Amino acid sequence: ALPIYATGESDVFIDTKKMPMVKKKVRKLEDQEEYESRRLWKDVTNNLKIRDIDAATDAKHSLEERQRSEARERKETDTPWETRLFHEDGECWVYDEPLLKRIAASKH
């Protein structure tokens, strides 16, 4: 627990070690589209799992450079970035199907 009071006392807000594990439900990588996050970052993730930090770093740099290159190309050709799940709201990106919206829709 971290000290959260001026007196230096600490309190446990939530003990994640006592929470049950919940297995993620995700599609297989081969069923994901080209720009889905897990598919994009799979080489980084796999190398981290086998503790090959140098290979993970190389994969990360490669992915980021590819993304920078694609952004430069879009800028040069005046091609807007097309999104499927988010929309721009001023300087922020907002998810189109937030949890509260999905919960409300499931109740009808």
Protein backbone atom coordinates (compact mmCIF):
# COMPACT_ATOMS: atom_id res chain seq x y z
CA ALA A 1 0.00 0.00 0.00
CA LEU A 2 1.16 3.52 -0.72
CA PRO A 3 1.05 6.38 1.80
CA ILE A 4 -2.03 8.39 0.88
CA TYR A 5 -2.55 10.56 3.94
CA ALA A 6 -0.58 13.57 5.11
CA THR A 7 0.11 11.66 8.33
CA GLY A 8 2.01 9.03 6.34
CA GLU A 9 -0.62 6.38 7.04
CA SER A 10 -1.41 4.07 4.19
CA ASP A 11 -4.52 2.28 3.12
CA VAL A 12 -5.17 -0.47 0.61
CA PHE A 13 -7.56 0.75 -2.05
CA ILE A 14 -7.76 -2.57 -3.88
CA ASP A 15 -5.71 -5.73 -3.46
CA THR A 16 -5.32 -7.11 -6.96
CA LYS A 17 -3.59 -10.22 -5.60
CA LYS A 18 -6.89 -11.29 -4.06
CA MET A 19 -8.89 -10.75 -7.24
CA PRO A 20 -9.67 -13.70 -9.49
CA MET A 21 -7.92 -13.95 -12.85
CA VAL A 22 -10.20 -13.40 -15.82
CA LYS A 23 -9.06 -14.90 -19.10
CA LYS A 24 -9.26 -12.46 -22.00
CA LYS A 25 -11.56 -13.33 -24.84
CA VAL A 26 -9.81 -12.34 -28.05
CA ARG A 27 -9.85 -13.58 -31.60
CA LYS A 28 -6.92 -15.64 -32.84
CA LEU A 29 -4.18 -13.52 -34.41
CA GLU A 30 -4.82 -14.99 -37.83
CA ASP A 31 -8.48 -13.90 -37.56
CA GLN A 32 -7.58 -10.31 -36.66
CA GLU A 33 -7.36 -7.53 -39.20
CA GLU A 34 -4.04 -6.05 -40.26
CA TYR A 35 -4.09 -3.05 -37.93
CA GLU A 36 -5.50 -4.66 -34.78
CA SER A 37 -3.28 -3.98 -31.80
CA ARG A 38 -2.48 -7.55 -30.76
CA ARG A 39 -1.53 -8.43 -34.33
CA LEU A 40 0.62 -5.33 -34.74
CA TRP A 41 2.48 -5.86 -31.47
CA LYS A 42 2.77 -9.69 -31.60
CA ASP A 43 6.54 -9.72 -32.27
CA VAL A 44 7.16 -7.35 -29.36
CA THR A 45 4.93 -9.42 -27.07
CA ASN A 46 6.43 -12.76 -28.08
CA ASN A 47 9.97 -11.53 -27.53
CA LEU A 48 9.07 -10.11 -24.13
CA LYS A 49 7.54 -13.45 -23.16
CA ILE A 50 10.82 -15.23 -23.91
CA ARG A 51 12.74 -12.42 -22.19
CA ASP A 52 14.60 -11.34 -25.34
CA ILE A 53 14.57 -7.61 -24.63
CA ASP A 54 16.86 -6.74 -27.56
CA ALA A 55 14.59 -8.51 -30.06
CA ALA A 56 11.50 -6.92 -28.46
CA THR A 57 13.13 -3.49 -28.73
CA ASP A 58 14.04 -4.11 -32.38
CA ALA A 59 10.47 -5.23 -33.14
CA LYS A 60 9.07 -2.16 -31.38
CA HIS A 61 11.36 0.19 -33.29
CA SER A 62 10.49 -1.54 -36.56
CA LEU A 63 6.76 -1.23 -35.93
CA GLU A 64 7.03 2.41 -34.87
CA GLU A 65 9.15 3.29 -37.91
CA ARG A 66 6.62 1.60 -40.19
CA GLN A 67 3.85 3.65 -38.57
CA ARG A 68 5.87 6.88 -39.00
CA SER A 69 6.51 6.03 -42.64
CA GLU A 70 2.82 5.35 -43.27
CA ALA A 71 1.92 8.66 -41.57
CA ARG A 72 4.43 10.55 -43.77
CA GLU A 73 2.98 8.90 -46.87
CA ARG A 74 -0.58 9.85 -45.86
CA LYS A 75 0.54 13.42 -45.23
CA GLU A 76 2.35 13.65 -48.58
CA THR A 77 -0.68 12.31 -50.46
CA ASP A 78 -3.15 14.27 -48.32
CA THR A 79 -4.87 11.01 -47.38
CA PRO A 80 -6.84 11.18 -44.14
CA TRP A 81 -6.35 8.48 -41.51
CA GLU A 82 -9.49 6.36 -41.56
CA THR A 83 -10.63 4.91 -38.26
CA ARG A 84 -13.20 2.24 -37.51
CA LEU A 85 -13.60 2.41 -33.75
CA PHE A 86 -12.72 5.98 -32.74
CA HIS A 87 -13.62 9.51 -33.76
CA GLU A 88 -11.73 12.72 -33.22
CA ASP A 89 -13.18 15.20 -30.74
CA GLY A 90 -10.99 18.30 -30.77
CA GLU A 91 -7.53 17.08 -29.77
CA CYS A 92 -8.86 13.82 -28.30
CA TRP A 93 -9.83 10.45 -29.73
CA VAL A 94 -13.06 8.96 -28.40
CA TYR A 95 -14.07 5.30 -28.60
CA ASP A 96 -17.31 4.91 -30.56
CA GLU A 97 -18.74 2.07 -28.47
CA PRO A 98 -17.92 2.84 -24.82
CA LEU A 99 -18.88 0.30 -22.18
CA LEU A 100 -21.77 2.35 -20.79
CA LYS A 101 -23.28 2.65 -24.27
CA ARG A 102 -22.97 -1.12 -24.81
CA ILE A 103 -24.49 -1.89 -21.42
CA ALA A 104 -27.43 0.42 -22.10
CA ALA A 105 -27.99 -1.17 -25.52
CA SER A 106 -27.96 -4.69 -24.07
CA LYS A 107 -30.76 -3.79 -21.65
CA HIS A 108 -33.17 -3.05 -24.50
